[in-house]
């Protein structure tokens, strides 16, 4: 599924105060760069079909909770995790289980960002 068709509508929702967005298991392959993504505090992309970390996450500067679980088709590196944290300084919960190398990523996070919760999703 491709959300480009809905991008303009999503901008309106997000700019009107949308803070939590759940797009789990929607078979998404692309996440458009919504211009107002910076207002989201919680985003679930669990179980989608991304092949790379969506570049739109660079605009999600208010994210505190990000769920990327169960995306086995998407390799995530420690550099990707570091970039997400750099763009989202309020991040307090990052879920990565079910990705190809989630154990290595959790160990990296435990060493470099011990304030980030790794096991629960509490928007």
PDB file of N, CA and C in Angstrom:
ATOM      1  N   UNK A   1       0.850  -1.173   0.000  1.00  0.00           N
ATOM      2  CA  UNK A   1       0.000   0.000   0.000  1.00  0.00           C
ATOM      3  C   UNK A   1       0.896   1.237   0.000  1.00  0.00           C
ATOM      4  N   UNK A   2       0.459   2.253  -0.659  1.00  0.00           N
ATOM      5  CA  UNK A   2       1.209   3.489  -0.792  1.00  0.00           C
ATOM      6  C   UNK A   2       0.341   4.634  -0.286  1.00  0.00           C
ATOM      7  N   UNK A   3       0.841   5.380   0.670  1.00  0.00           N
ATOM      8  CA  UNK A   3       0.056   6.457   1.279  1.00  0.00           C
ATOM      9  C   UNK A   3       0.178   7.797   0.565  1.00  0.00           C
ATOM     10  N   UNK A   4       0.894   7.870  -0.557  1.00  0.00           N
ATOM     11  CA  UNK A   4       1.051   9.161  -1.233  1.00  0.00           C
ATOM     12  C   UNK A   4      -0.299   9.798  -1.550  1.00  0.00           C
ATOM     13  N   UNK A   5      -1.292   8.985  -1.871  1.00  0.00           N
ATOM     14  CA  UNK A   5      -2.630   9.479  -2.203  1.00  0.00           C
ATOM     15  C   UNK A   5      -3.249  10.244  -1.030  1.00  0.00           C
ATOM     16  N   UNK A   6      -2.907   9.822   0.192  1.00  0.00           N
ATOM     17  CA  UNK A   6      -3.497  10.415   1.384  1.00  0.00           C
ATOM     18  C   UNK A   6      -2.629  11.489   2.032  1.00  0.00           C
ATOM     19  N   UNK A   7      -1.483  11.801   1.454  1.00  0.00           N
ATOM     20  CA  UNK A   7      -0.530  12.699   2.099  1.00  0.00           C
ATOM     21  C   UNK A   7      -1.130  14.062   2.425  1.00  0.00           C
ATOM     22  N   UNK A   8      -1.864  14.657   1.512  1.00  0.00           N
ATOM     23  CA  UNK A   8      -2.451  15.981   1.775  1.00  0.00           C
ATOM     24  C   UNK A   8      -3.449  15.911   2.925  1.00  0.00           C
ATOM     25  N   UNK A   9      -4.283  14.883   2.948  1.00  0.00           N
ATOM     26  CA  UNK A   9      -5.240  14.725   4.041  1.00  0.00           C
ATOM     27  C   UNK A   9      -4.526  14.498   5.367  1.00  0.00           C
ATOM     28  N   UNK A  10      -3.450  13.720   5.348  1.00  0.00           N
ATOM     29  CA  UNK A  10      -2.713  13.450   6.578  1.00  0.00           C
ATOM     30  C   UNK A  10      -2.110  14.736   7.125  1.00  0.00           C
ATOM     31  N   UNK A  11      -1.600  15.607   6.248  1.00  0.00           N
ATOM     32  CA  UNK A  11      -1.072  16.890   6.713  1.00  0.00           C
ATOM     33  C   UNK A  11      -2.131  17.654   7.486  1.00  0.00           C
ATOM     34  N   UNK A  12      -3.354  17.644   6.996  1.00  0.00           N
ATOM     35  CA  UNK A  12      -4.438  18.360   7.677  1.00  0.00           C
ATOM     36  C   UNK A  12      -4.713  17.754   9.048  1.00  0.00           C
ATOM     37  N   UNK A  13      -4.745  16.427   9.128  1.00  0.00           N
ATOM     38  CA  UNK A  13      -4.993  15.773  10.418  1.00  0.00           C
ATOM     39  C   UNK A  13      -3.871  16.052  11.409  1.00  0.00           C
ATOM     40  N   UNK A  14      -2.643  15.914  10.961  1.00  0.00           N
ATOM     41  CA  UNK A  14      -1.515  16.099  11.851  1.00  0.00           C
ATOM     42  C   UNK A  14      -1.436  17.545  12.318  1.00  0.00           C
ATOM     43  N   UNK A  15      -1.650  18.497  11.400  1.00  0.00           N
ATOM     44  CA  UNK A  15      -1.563  19.901  11.794  1.00  0.00           C
ATOM     45  C   UNK A  15      -2.718  20.315  12.700  1.00  0.00           C
ATOM     46  N   UNK A  16      -3.811  19.534  12.690  1.00  0.00           N
ATOM     47  CA  UNK A  16      -4.941  19.870  13.559  1.00  0.00           C
ATOM     48  C   UNK A  16      -4.790  19.278  14.958  1.00  0.00           C
ATOM     49  N   UNK A  17      -3.671  18.652  15.244  1.00  0.00           N
ATOM     50  CA  UNK A  17      -3.423  18.189  16.604  1.00  0.00           C
ATOM     51  C   UNK A  17      -3.232  16.691  16.753  1.00  0.00           C
ATOM     52  N   UNK A  18      -3.150  15.947  15.671  1.00  0.00           N
ATOM     53  CA  UNK A  18      -2.917  14.513  15.760  1.00  0.00           C
ATOM     54  C   UNK A  18      -1.556  14.269  16.401  1.00  0.00           C
ATOM     55  N   UNK A  19      -1.545  13.497  17.473  1.00  0.00           N
ATOM     56  CA  UNK A  19      -0.296  13.219  18.185  1.00  0.00           C
ATOM     57  C   UNK A  19       0.105  11.750  18.107  1.00  0.00           C
ATOM     58  N   UNK A  20      -0.867  10.852  17.961  1.00  0.00           N
ATOM     59  CA  UNK A  20      -0.617   9.413  17.921  1.00  0.00           C
ATOM     60  C   UNK A  20      -1.140   8.874  16.598  1.00  0.00           C
ATOM     61  N   UNK A  21      -0.284   8.152  15.875  1.00  0.00           N
ATOM     62  CA  UNK A  21      -0.679   7.598  14.583  1.00  0.00           C
ATOM     63  C   UNK A  21      -0.292   6.134  14.543  1.00  0.00           C
ATOM     64  N   UNK A  22      -1.276   5.274  14.338  1.00  0.00           N
ATOM     65  CA  UNK A  22      -1.042   3.837  14.245  1.00  0.00           C
ATOM     66  C   UNK A  22      -1.239   3.363  12.829  1.00  0.00           C
ATOM     67  N   UNK A  23      -0.169   2.908  12.216  1.00  0.00           N
ATOM     68  CA  UNK A  23      -0.220   2.384  10.848  1.00  0.00           C
ATOM     69  C   UNK A  23       0.296   0.947  10.825  1.00  0.00           C
ATOM     70  N   UNK A  24       0.015   0.202  11.878  1.00  0.00           N
ATOM     71  CA  UNK A  24       0.494  -1.172  11.991  1.00  0.00           C
ATOM     72  C   UNK A  24      -0.183  -2.095  10.983  1.00  0.00           C
ATOM     73  N   UNK A  25       0.630  -3.000  10.436  1.00  0.00           N
ATOM     74  CA  UNK A  25       0.151  -4.076   9.565  1.00  0.00           C
ATOM     75  C   UNK A  25      -0.687  -3.584   8.397  1.00  0.00           C
ATOM     76  N   UNK A  26      -0.286  -2.472   7.799  1.00  0.00           N
ATOM     77  CA  UNK A  26      -1.008  -1.906   6.647  1.00  0.00           C
ATOM     78  C   UNK A  26      -0.336  -2.260   5.323  1.00  0.00           C
ATOM     79  N   UNK A  27       0.699  -3.060   5.352  1.00  0.00           N
ATOM     80  CA  UNK A  27       1.449  -3.458   4.157  1.00  0.00           C
ATOM     81  C   UNK A  27       2.038  -2.248   3.421  1.00  0.00           C
ATOM     82  N   UNK A  28       2.410  -1.232   4.178  1.00  0.00           N
ATOM     83  CA  UNK A  28       2.982  -0.032   3.577  1.00  0.00           C
ATOM     84  C   UNK A  28       4.385  -0.303   3.060  1.00  0.00           C
ATOM     85  N   UNK A  29       4.705   0.287   1.922  1.00  0.00           N
ATOM     86  CA  UNK A  29       6.054   0.219   1.369  1.00  0.00           C
ATOM     87  C   UNK A  29       6.703   1.599   1.358  1.00  0.00           C
ATOM     88  N   UNK A  30       5.894   2.626   1.583  1.00  0.00           N
ATOM     89  CA  UNK A  30       6.365   3.997   1.539  1.00  0.00           C
ATOM     90  C   UNK A  30       5.619   4.818   2.574  1.00  0.00           C
ATOM     91  N   UNK A  31       6.342   5.698   3.243  1.00  0.00           N
ATOM     92  CA  UNK A  31       5.730   6.641   4.172  1.00  0.00           C
ATOM     93  C   UNK A  31       6.034   8.031   3.642  1.00  0.00           C
ATOM     94  N   UNK A  32       5.022   8.742   3.131  1.00  0.00           N
ATOM     95  CA  UNK A  32       5.291  10.081   2.581  1.00  0.00           C
ATOM     96  C   UNK A  32       5.825  11.028   3.644  1.00  0.00           C
ATOM     97  N   UNK A  33       6.527  12.023   3.202  1.00  0.00           N
ATOM     98  CA  UNK A  33       7.062  13.038   4.106  1.00  0.00           C
ATOM     99  C   UNK A  33       5.971  14.054   4.403  1.00  0.00           C
ATOM    100  N   UNK A  34       5.089  13.710   5.324  1.00  0.00           N
ATOM    101  CA  UNK A  34       4.039  14.636   5.730  1.00  0.00           C
ATOM    102  C   UNK A  34       4.713  15.896   6.280  1.00  0.00           C
ATOM    103  N   UNK A  35       4.263  17.053   5.863  1.00  0.00           N
ATOM    104  CA  UNK A  35       4.938  18.275   6.278  1.00  0.00           C
ATOM    105  C   UNK A  35       4.787  18.544   7.771  1.00  0.00           C
ATOM    106  N   UNK A  36       3.771  17.999   8.403  1.00  0.00           N
ATOM    107  CA  UNK A  36       3.532  18.260   9.821  1.00  0.00           C
ATOM    108  C   UNK A  36       3.891  17.071  10.717  1.00  0.00           C
ATOM    109  N   UNK A  37       4.695  16.158  10.230  1.00  0.00           N
ATOM    110  CA  UNK A  37       5.061  14.976  11.007  1.00  0.00           C
ATOM    111  C   UNK A  37       5.770  15.348  12.310  1.00  0.00           C
ATOM    112  N   UNK A  38       6.284  16.545  12.384  1.00  0.00           N
ATOM    113  CA  UNK A  38       7.012  16.965  13.578  1.00  0.00           C
ATOM    114  C   UNK A  38       6.125  17.038  14.815  1.00  0.00           C
ATOM    115  N   UNK A  39       4.807  17.081  14.666  1.00  0.00           N
ATOM    116  CA  UNK A  39       3.906  17.150  15.809  1.00  0.00           C
ATOM    117  C   UNK A  39       3.575  15.807  16.433  1.00  0.00           C
ATOM    118  N   UNK A  40       3.864  14.713  15.738  1.00  0.00           N
ATOM    119  CA  UNK A  40       3.542  13.383  16.276  1.00  0.00           C
ATOM    120  C   UNK A  40       4.431  13.041  17.463  1.00  0.00           C
ATOM    121  N   UNK A  41       3.823  12.477  18.498  1.00  0.00           N
ATOM    122  CA  UNK A  41       4.600  12.004  19.637  1.00  0.00           C
ATOM    123  C   UNK A  41       4.675  10.482  19.664  1.00  0.00           C
ATOM    124  N   UNK A  42       3.777   9.820  18.937  1.00  0.00           N
ATOM    125  CA  UNK A  42       3.721   8.362  18.937  1.00  0.00           C
ATOM    126  C   UNK A  42       3.396   7.869  17.529  1.00  0.00           C
ATOM    127  N   UNK A  43       4.211   6.938  17.024  1.00  0.00           N
ATOM    128  CA  UNK A  43       4.009   6.404  15.678  1.00  0.00           C
ATOM    129  C   UNK A  43       4.267   4.911  15.687  1.00  0.00           C
ATOM    130  N   UNK A  44       3.297   4.149  15.203  1.00  0.00           N
ATOM    131  CA  UNK A  44       3.474   2.711  15.071  1.00  0.00           C
ATOM    132  C   UNK A  44       3.489   2.345  13.592  1.00  0.00           C
ATOM    133  N   UNK A  45       4.601   1.779  13.164  1.00  0.00           N
ATOM    134  CA  UNK A  45       4.756   1.296  11.792  1.00  0.00           C
ATOM    135  C   UNK A  45       4.937  -0.219  11.789  1.00  0.00           C
ATOM    136  N   UNK A  46       4.574  -0.843  12.865  1.00  0.00           N
ATOM    137  CA  UNK A  46       4.778  -2.279  13.074  1.00  0.00           C
ATOM    138  C   UNK A  46       4.207  -3.115  11.926  1.00  0.00           C
ATOM    139  N   UNK A  47       4.991  -4.115  11.505  1.00  0.00           N
ATOM    140  CA  UNK A  47       4.511  -5.117  10.570  1.00  0.00           C
ATOM    141  C   UNK A  47       4.269  -4.642   9.154  1.00  0.00           C
ATOM    142  N   UNK A  48       4.927  -3.594   8.720  1.00  0.00           N
ATOM    143  CA  UNK A  48       4.762  -3.125   7.349  1.00  0.00           C
ATOM    144  C   UNK A  48       5.858  -3.687   6.453  1.00  0.00           C
ATOM    145  N   UNK A  49       5.863  -3.304   5.191  1.00  0.00           N
ATOM    146  CA  UNK A  49       6.758  -3.893   4.198  1.00  0.00           C
ATOM    147  C   UNK A  49       7.836  -2.923   3.724  1.00  0.00           C
ATOM    148  N   UNK A  50       8.297  -2.045   4.594  1.00  0.00           N
ATOM    149  CA  UNK A  50       9.373  -1.141   4.224  1.00  0.00           C
ATOM    150  C   UNK A  50      10.644  -1.938   3.960  1.00  0.00           C
ATOM    151  N   UNK A  51      11.447  -1.477   3.024  1.00  0.00           N
ATOM    152  CA  UNK A  51      12.742  -2.117   2.778  1.00  0.00           C
ATOM    153  C   UNK A  51      13.883  -1.280   3.340  1.00  0.00           C
ATOM    154  N   UNK A  52      13.568  -0.069   3.764  1.00  0.00           N
ATOM    155  CA  UNK A  52      14.539   0.814   4.408  1.00  0.00           C
ATOM    156  C   UNK A  52      13.778   1.707   5.384  1.00  0.00           C
ATOM    157  N   UNK A  53      14.487   2.259   6.318  1.00  0.00           N
ATOM    158  CA  UNK A  53      13.871   3.164   7.275  1.00  0.00           C
ATOM    159  C   UNK A  53      13.302   4.365   6.520  1.00  0.00           C
ATOM    160  N   UNK A  54      12.034   4.698   6.728  1.00  0.00           N
ATOM    161  CA  UNK A  54      11.428   5.809   5.981  1.00  0.00           C
ATOM    162  C   UNK A  54      12.133   7.137   6.255  1.00  0.00           C
ATOM    163  N   UNK A  55      12.559   7.830   5.198  1.00  0.00           N
ATOM    164  CA  UNK A  55      13.219   9.134   5.375  1.00  0.00           C
ATOM    165  C   UNK A  55      12.327  10.144   6.101  1.00  0.00           C
ATOM    166  N   UNK A  56      11.014   9.966   6.029  1.00  0.00           N
ATOM    167  CA  UNK A  56      10.083  10.890   6.695  1.00  0.00           C
ATOM    168  C   UNK A  56      10.325  10.946   8.201  1.00  0.00           C
ATOM    169  N   UNK A  57      10.938   9.916   8.775  1.00  0.00           N
ATOM    170  CA  UNK A  57      11.198   9.914  10.217  1.00  0.00           C
ATOM    171  C   UNK A  57      12.145  11.046  10.622  1.00  0.00           C
ATOM    172  N   UNK A  58      12.915  11.551   9.676  1.00  0.00           N
ATOM    173  CA  UNK A  58      13.815  12.658   9.983  1.00  0.00           C
ATOM    174  C   UNK A  58      13.044  13.925  10.352  1.00  0.00           C
ATOM    175  N   UNK A  59      11.764  13.987   9.982  1.00  0.00           N
ATOM    176  CA  UNK A  59      10.936  15.156  10.283  1.00  0.00           C
ATOM    177  C   UNK A  59      10.108  14.980  11.548  1.00  0.00           C
ATOM    178  N   UNK A  60      10.226  13.833  12.174  1.00  0.00           N
ATOM    179  CA  UNK A  60       9.409  13.514  13.353  1.00  0.00           C
ATOM    180  C   UNK A  60      10.167  13.888  14.627  1.00  0.00           C
ATOM    181  N   UNK A  61      10.409  15.159  14.803  1.00  0.00           N
ATOM    182  CA  UNK A  61      11.271  15.625  15.886  1.00  0.00           C
ATOM    183  C   UNK A  61      10.646  15.543  17.275  1.00  0.00           C
ATOM    184  N   UNK A  62       9.329  15.354  17.366  1.00  0.00           N
ATOM    185  CA  UNK A  62       8.670  15.259  18.679  1.00  0.00           C
ATOM    186  C   UNK A  62       8.381  13.830  19.102  1.00  0.00           C
ATOM    187  N   UNK A  63       8.774  12.856  18.291  1.00  0.00           N
ATOM    188  CA  UNK A  63       8.471  11.463  18.616  1.00  0.00           C
ATOM    189  C   UNK A  63       9.067  11.052  19.951  1.00  0.00           C
ATOM    190  N   UNK A  64       8.233  10.460  20.769  1.00  0.00           N
ATOM    191  CA  UNK A  64       8.683   9.867  22.026  1.00  0.00           C
ATOM    192  C   UNK A  64       8.561   8.350  21.971  1.00  0.00           C
ATOM    193  N   UNK A  65       7.636   7.843  21.162  1.00  0.00           N
ATOM    194  CA  UNK A  65       7.377   6.403  21.049  1.00  0.00           C
ATOM    195  C   UNK A  65       7.353   6.022  19.573  1.00  0.00           C
ATOM    196  N   UNK A  66       8.203   5.060  19.195  1.00  0.00           N
ATOM    197  CA  UNK A  66       8.263   4.587  17.814  1.00  0.00           C
ATOM    198  C   UNK A  66       8.286   3.070  17.817  1.00  0.00           C
ATOM    199  N   UNK A  67       7.333   2.482  17.118  1.00  0.00           N
ATOM    200  CA  UNK A  67       7.216   1.024  17.044  1.00  0.00           C
ATOM    201  C   UNK A  67       7.578   0.570  15.635  1.00  0.00           C
ATOM    202  N   UNK A  68       8.708  -0.128  15.527  1.00  0.00           N
ATOM    203  CA  UNK A  68       9.175  -0.672  14.250  1.00  0.00           C
ATOM    204  C   UNK A  68       9.254  -2.196  14.308  1.00  0.00           C
ATOM    205  N   UNK A  69       8.483  -2.791  15.191  1.00  0.00           N
ATOM    206  CA  UNK A  69       8.540  -4.254  15.361  1.00  0.00           C
ATOM    207  C   UNK A  69       8.029  -4.986  14.120  1.00  0.00           C
ATOM    208  N   UNK A  70       8.501  -6.227  13.999  1.00  0.00           N
ATOM    209  CA  UNK A  70       8.001  -7.186  13.018  1.00  0.00           C
ATOM    210  C   UNK A  70       8.149  -6.715  11.579  1.00  0.00           C
ATOM    211  N   UNK A  71       9.250  -6.070  11.282  1.00  0.00           N
ATOM    212  CA  UNK A  71       9.539  -5.689   9.907  1.00  0.00           C
ATOM    213  C   UNK A  71      10.794  -6.418   9.463  1.00  0.00           C
ATOM    214  N   UNK A  72      10.643  -7.724   9.235  1.00  0.00           N
ATOM    215  CA  UNK A  72      11.796  -8.551   8.919  1.00  0.00           C
ATOM    216  C   UNK A  72      12.358  -8.288   7.529  1.00  0.00           C
ATOM    217  N   UNK A  73      11.637  -7.557   6.681  1.00  0.00           N
ATOM    218  CA  UNK A  73      12.156  -7.241   5.346  1.00  0.00           C
ATOM    219  C   UNK A  73      12.994  -5.966   5.351  1.00  0.00           C
ATOM    220  N   UNK A  74      13.101  -5.323   6.502  1.00  0.00           N
ATOM    221  CA  UNK A  74      13.812  -4.055   6.577  1.00  0.00           C
ATOM    222  C   UNK A  74      15.037  -4.177   7.469  1.00  0.00           C
ATOM    223  N   UNK A  75      16.233  -4.129   6.878  1.00  0.00           N
ATOM    224  CA  UNK A  75      17.430  -4.125   7.724  1.00  0.00           C
ATOM    225  C   UNK A  75      17.568  -2.774   8.419  1.00  0.00           C
ATOM    226  N   UNK A  76      17.863  -2.813   9.700  1.00  0.00           N
ATOM    227  CA  UNK A  76      18.075  -1.592  10.474  1.00  0.00           C
ATOM    228  C   UNK A  76      19.462  -1.686  11.091  1.00  0.00           C
ATOM    229  N   UNK A  77      20.266  -0.678  10.857  1.00  0.00           N
ATOM    230  CA  UNK A  77      21.628  -0.674  11.394  1.00  0.00           C
ATOM    231  C   UNK A  77      21.686   0.172  12.660  1.00  0.00           C
ATOM    232  N   UNK A  78      22.790   0.064  13.378  1.00  0.00           N
ATOM    233  CA  UNK A  78      22.965   0.915  14.554  1.00  0.00           C
ATOM    234  C   UNK A  78      23.032   2.384  14.128  1.00  0.00           C
ATOM    235  N   UNK A  79      23.559   2.661  12.929  1.00  0.00           N
ATOM    236  CA  UNK A  79      23.582   4.039  12.420  1.00  0.00           C
ATOM    237  C   UNK A  79      22.166   4.555  12.189  1.00  0.00           C
ATOM    238  N   UNK A  80      21.266   3.679  11.708  1.00  0.00           N
ATOM    239  CA  UNK A  80      19.858   4.069  11.536  1.00  0.00           C
ATOM    240  C   UNK A  80      19.240   4.436  12.879  1.00  0.00           C
ATOM    241  N   UNK A  81      19.488   3.614  13.878  1.00  0.00           N
ATOM    242  CA  UNK A  81      18.945   3.865  15.218  1.00  0.00           C
ATOM    243  C   UNK A  81      19.503   5.183  15.769  1.00  0.00           C
ATOM    244  N   UNK A  82      20.794   5.396  15.584  1.00  0.00           N
ATOM    245  CA  UNK A  82      21.396   6.644  16.058  1.00  0.00           C
ATOM    246  C   UNK A  82      20.788   7.854  15.345  1.00  0.00           C
ATOM    247  N   UNK A  83      20.496   7.726  14.053  1.00  0.00           N
ATOM    248  CA  UNK A  83      19.890   8.830  13.298  1.00  0.00           C
ATOM    249  C   UNK A  83      18.477   9.123  13.801  1.00  0.00           C
ATOM    250  N   UNK A  84      17.706   8.079  14.078  1.00  0.00           N
ATOM    251  CA  UNK A  84      16.356   8.273  14.619  1.00  0.00           C
ATOM    252  C   UNK A  84      16.434   9.016  15.947  1.00  0.00           C
ATOM    253  N   UNK A  85      17.346   8.604  16.804  1.00  0.00           N
ATOM    254  CA  UNK A  85      17.490   9.263  18.106  1.00  0.00           C
ATOM    255  C   UNK A  85      17.970  10.702  17.959  1.00  0.00           C
ATOM    256  N   UNK A  86      18.834  10.959  16.998  1.00  0.00           N
ATOM    257  CA  UNK A  86      19.331  12.321  16.785  1.00  0.00           C
ATOM    258  C   UNK A  86      18.217  13.253  16.304  1.00  0.00           C
ATOM    259  N   UNK A  87      17.317  12.722  15.458  1.00  0.00           N
ATOM    260  CA  UNK A  87      16.212  13.529  14.930  1.00  0.00           C
ATOM    261  C   UNK A  87      15.052  13.640  15.914  1.00  0.00           C
ATOM    262  N   UNK A  88      15.002  12.744  16.877  1.00  0.00           N
ATOM    263  CA  UNK A  88      13.900  12.706  17.845  1.00  0.00           C
ATOM    264  C   UNK A  88      14.461  12.718  19.264  1.00  0.00           C
ATOM    265  N   UNK A  89      14.902  13.866  19.739  1.00  0.00           N
ATOM    266  CA  UNK A  89      15.559  13.925  21.053  1.00  0.00           C
ATOM    267  C   UNK A  89      14.659  13.558  22.229  1.00  0.00           C
ATOM    268  N   UNK A  90      13.341  13.534  22.030  1.00  0.00           N
ATOM    269  CA  UNK A  90      12.406  13.169  23.106  1.00  0.00           C
ATOM    270  C   UNK A  90      12.105  11.669  23.154  1.00  0.00           C
ATOM    271  N   UNK A  91      12.755  10.897  22.292  1.00  0.00           N
ATOM    272  CA  UNK A  91      12.481   9.467  22.206  1.00  0.00           C
ATOM    273  C   UNK A  91      12.679   8.802  23.556  1.00  0.00           C
ATOM    274  N   UNK A  92      11.633   8.111  24.015  1.00  0.00           N
ATOM    275  CA  UNK A  92      11.735   7.391  25.282  1.00  0.00           C
ATOM    276  C   UNK A  92      11.381   5.914  25.128  1.00  0.00           C
ATOM    277  N   UNK A  93      10.822   5.524  23.968  1.00  0.00           N
ATOM    278  CA  UNK A  93      10.454   4.125  23.748  1.00  0.00           C
ATOM    279  C   UNK A  93      10.628   3.793  22.266  1.00  0.00           C
ATOM    280  N   UNK A  94      11.536   2.866  21.986  1.00  0.00           N
ATOM    281  CA  UNK A  94      11.814   2.442  20.616  1.00  0.00           C
ATOM    282  C   UNK A  94      11.722   0.928  20.559  1.00  0.00           C
ATOM    283  N   UNK A  95      10.782   0.427  19.775  1.00  0.00           N
ATOM    284  CA  UNK A  95      10.538  -1.014  19.705  1.00  0.00           C
ATOM    285  C   UNK A  95      11.050  -1.569  18.385  1.00  0.00           C
ATOM    286  N   UNK A  96      11.918  -2.558  18.479  1.00  0.00           N
ATOM    287  CA  UNK A  96      12.579  -3.104  17.301  1.00  0.00           C
ATOM    288  C   UNK A  96      12.517  -4.619  17.209  1.00  0.00           C
ATOM    289  N   UNK A  97      11.879  -5.301  18.152  1.00  0.00           N
ATOM    290  CA  UNK A  97      11.868  -6.764  18.123  1.00  0.00           C
ATOM    291  C   UNK A  97      11.168  -7.246  16.857  1.00  0.00           C
ATOM    292  N   UNK A  98      11.673  -8.347  16.338  1.00  0.00           N
ATOM    293  CA  UNK A  98      11.117  -8.896  15.109  1.00  0.00           C
ATOM    294  C   UNK A  98      11.799  -8.362  13.861  1.00  0.00           C
ATOM    295  N   UNK A  99      12.743  -7.421  14.045  1.00  0.00           N
ATOM    296  CA  UNK A  99      13.565  -7.008  12.920  1.00  0.00           C
ATOM    297  C   UNK A  99      14.760  -7.956  12.848  1.00  0.00           C
ATOM    298  N   UNK A 100      15.441  -7.926  11.747  1.00  0.00           N
ATOM    299  CA  UNK A 100      16.490  -8.901  11.471  1.00  0.00           C
ATOM    300  C   UNK A 100      17.535  -9.029  12.584  1.00  0.00           C
ATOM    301  N   UNK A 101      18.014  -7.919  13.110  1.00  0.00           N
ATOM    302  CA  UNK A 101      19.076  -7.950  14.114  1.00  0.00           C
ATOM    303  C   UNK A 101      18.686  -7.209  15.387  1.00  0.00           C
ATOM    304  N   UNK A 102      17.473  -7.406  15.830  1.00  0.00           N
ATOM    305  CA  UNK A 102      16.957  -6.639  16.959  1.00  0.00           C
ATOM    306  C   UNK A 102      17.777  -6.810  18.229  1.00  0.00           C
ATOM    307  N   UNK A 103      18.328  -7.981  18.449  1.00  0.00           N
ATOM    308  CA  UNK A 103      19.120  -8.177  19.673  1.00  0.00           C
ATOM    309  C   UNK A 103      20.356  -7.280  19.679  1.00  0.00           C
ATOM    310  N   UNK A 104      21.039  -7.191  18.540  1.00  0.00           N
ATOM    311  CA  UNK A 104      22.209  -6.319  18.441  1.00  0.00           C
ATOM    312  C   UNK A 104      21.805  -4.853  18.623  1.00  0.00           C
ATOM    313  N   UNK A 105      20.663  -4.480  18.050  1.00  0.00           N
ATOM    314  CA  UNK A 105      20.191  -3.101  18.169  1.00  0.00           C
ATOM    315  C   UNK A 105      19.848  -2.762  19.616  1.00  0.00           C
ATOM    316  N   UNK A 106      19.201  -3.686  20.323  1.00  0.00           N
ATOM    317  CA  UNK A 106      18.871  -3.441  21.722  1.00  0.00           C
ATOM    318  C   UNK A 106      20.129  -3.315  22.569  1.00  0.00           C
ATOM    319  N   UNK A 107      21.144  -4.136  22.292  1.00  0.00           N
ATOM    320  CA  UNK A 107      22.401  -4.018  23.031  1.00  0.00           C
ATOM    321  C   UNK A 107      23.046  -2.662  22.761  1.00  0.00           C
ATOM    322  N   UNK A 108      23.009  -2.229  21.523  1.00  0.00           N
ATOM    323  CA  UNK A 108      23.550  -0.915  21.172  1.00  0.00           C
ATOM    324  C   UNK A 108      22.803   0.191  21.918  1.00  0.00           C
ATOM    325  N   UNK A 109      21.485   0.125  21.927  1.00  0.00           N
ATOM    326  CA  UNK A 109      20.680   1.134  22.626  1.00  0.00           C
ATOM    327  C   UNK A 109      20.927   1.111  24.128  1.00  0.00           C
ATOM    328  N   UNK A 110      21.072  -0.070  24.681  1.00  0.00           N
ATOM    329  CA  UNK A 110      21.309  -0.182  26.117  1.00  0.00           C
ATOM    330  C   UNK A 110      22.605   0.529  26.504  1.00  0.00           C
ATOM    331  N   UNK A 111      23.623   0.443  25.596  1.00  0.00           N
ATOM    332  CA  UNK A 111      24.917   1.091  25.858  1.00  0.00           C
ATOM    333  C   UNK A 111      24.881   2.594  25.562  1.00  0.00           C
ATOM    334  N   UNK A 112      24.205   2.989  24.488  1.00  0.00           N
ATOM    335  CA  UNK A 112      24.304   4.382  24.033  1.00  0.00           C
ATOM    336  C   UNK A 112      23.134   5.273  24.447  1.00  0.00           C
ATOM    337  N   UNK A 113      21.979   4.673  24.723  1.00  0.00           N
ATOM    338  CA  UNK A 113      20.791   5.456  25.090  1.00  0.00           C
ATOM    339  C   UNK A 113      20.003   4.722  26.161  1.00  0.00           C
ATOM    340  N   UNK A 114      20.564   4.583  27.366  1.00  0.00           N
ATOM    341  CA  UNK A 114      19.909   3.793  28.412  1.00  0.00           C
ATOM    342  C   UNK A 114      18.561   4.352  28.860  1.00  0.00           C
ATOM    343  N   UNK A 115      18.255   5.597  28.527  1.00  0.00           N
ATOM    344  CA  UNK A 115      16.969   6.203  28.899  1.00  0.00           C
ATOM    345  C   UNK A 115      15.816   5.720  28.013  1.00  0.00           C
ATOM    346  N   UNK A 116      16.126   5.071  26.898  1.00  0.00           N
ATOM    347  CA  UNK A 116      15.089   4.629  25.961  1.00  0.00           C
ATOM    348  C   UNK A 116      14.574   3.253  26.374  1.00  0.00           C
ATOM    349  N   UNK A 117      13.252   3.160  26.584  1.00  0.00           N
ATOM    350  CA  UNK A 117      12.636   1.874  26.912  1.00  0.00           C
ATOM    351  C   UNK A 117      12.599   1.018  25.655  1.00  0.00           C
ATOM    352  N   UNK A 118      12.784  -0.284  25.842  1.00  0.00           N
ATOM    353  CA  UNK A 118      12.886  -1.170  24.704  1.00  0.00           C
ATOM    354  C   UNK A 118      11.822  -2.254  24.658  1.00  0.00           C
ATOM    355  N   UNK A 119      11.033  -2.425  25.689  1.00  0.00           N
ATOM    356  CA  UNK A 119      10.168  -3.604  25.711  1.00  0.00           C
ATOM    357  C   UNK A 119       8.672  -3.308  25.748  1.00  0.00           C
ATOM    358  N   UNK A 120       8.265  -2.089  26.020  1.00  0.00           N
ATOM    359  CA  UNK A 120       6.840  -1.800  26.094  1.00  0.00           C
ATOM    360  C   UNK A 120       6.483  -0.636  25.200  1.00  0.00           C
ATOM    361  N   UNK A 121       5.259  -0.614  24.753  1.00  0.00           N
ATOM    362  CA  UNK A 121       4.777   0.478  23.910  1.00  0.00           C
ATOM    363  C   UNK A 121       3.641   1.153  24.636  1.00  0.00           C
ATOM    364  N   UNK A 122       3.914   2.327  25.177  1.00  0.00           N
ATOM    365  CA  UNK A 122       2.932   3.044  25.965  1.00  0.00           C
ATOM    366  C   UNK A 122       2.760   4.451  25.398  1.00  0.00           C
ATOM    367  N   UNK A 123       1.853   4.646  24.446  1.00  0.00           N
ATOM    368  CA  UNK A 123       1.698   5.989  23.865  1.00  0.00           C
ATOM    369  C   UNK A 123       1.147   6.978  24.863  1.00  0.00           C
TER     370      UNK A 123
END
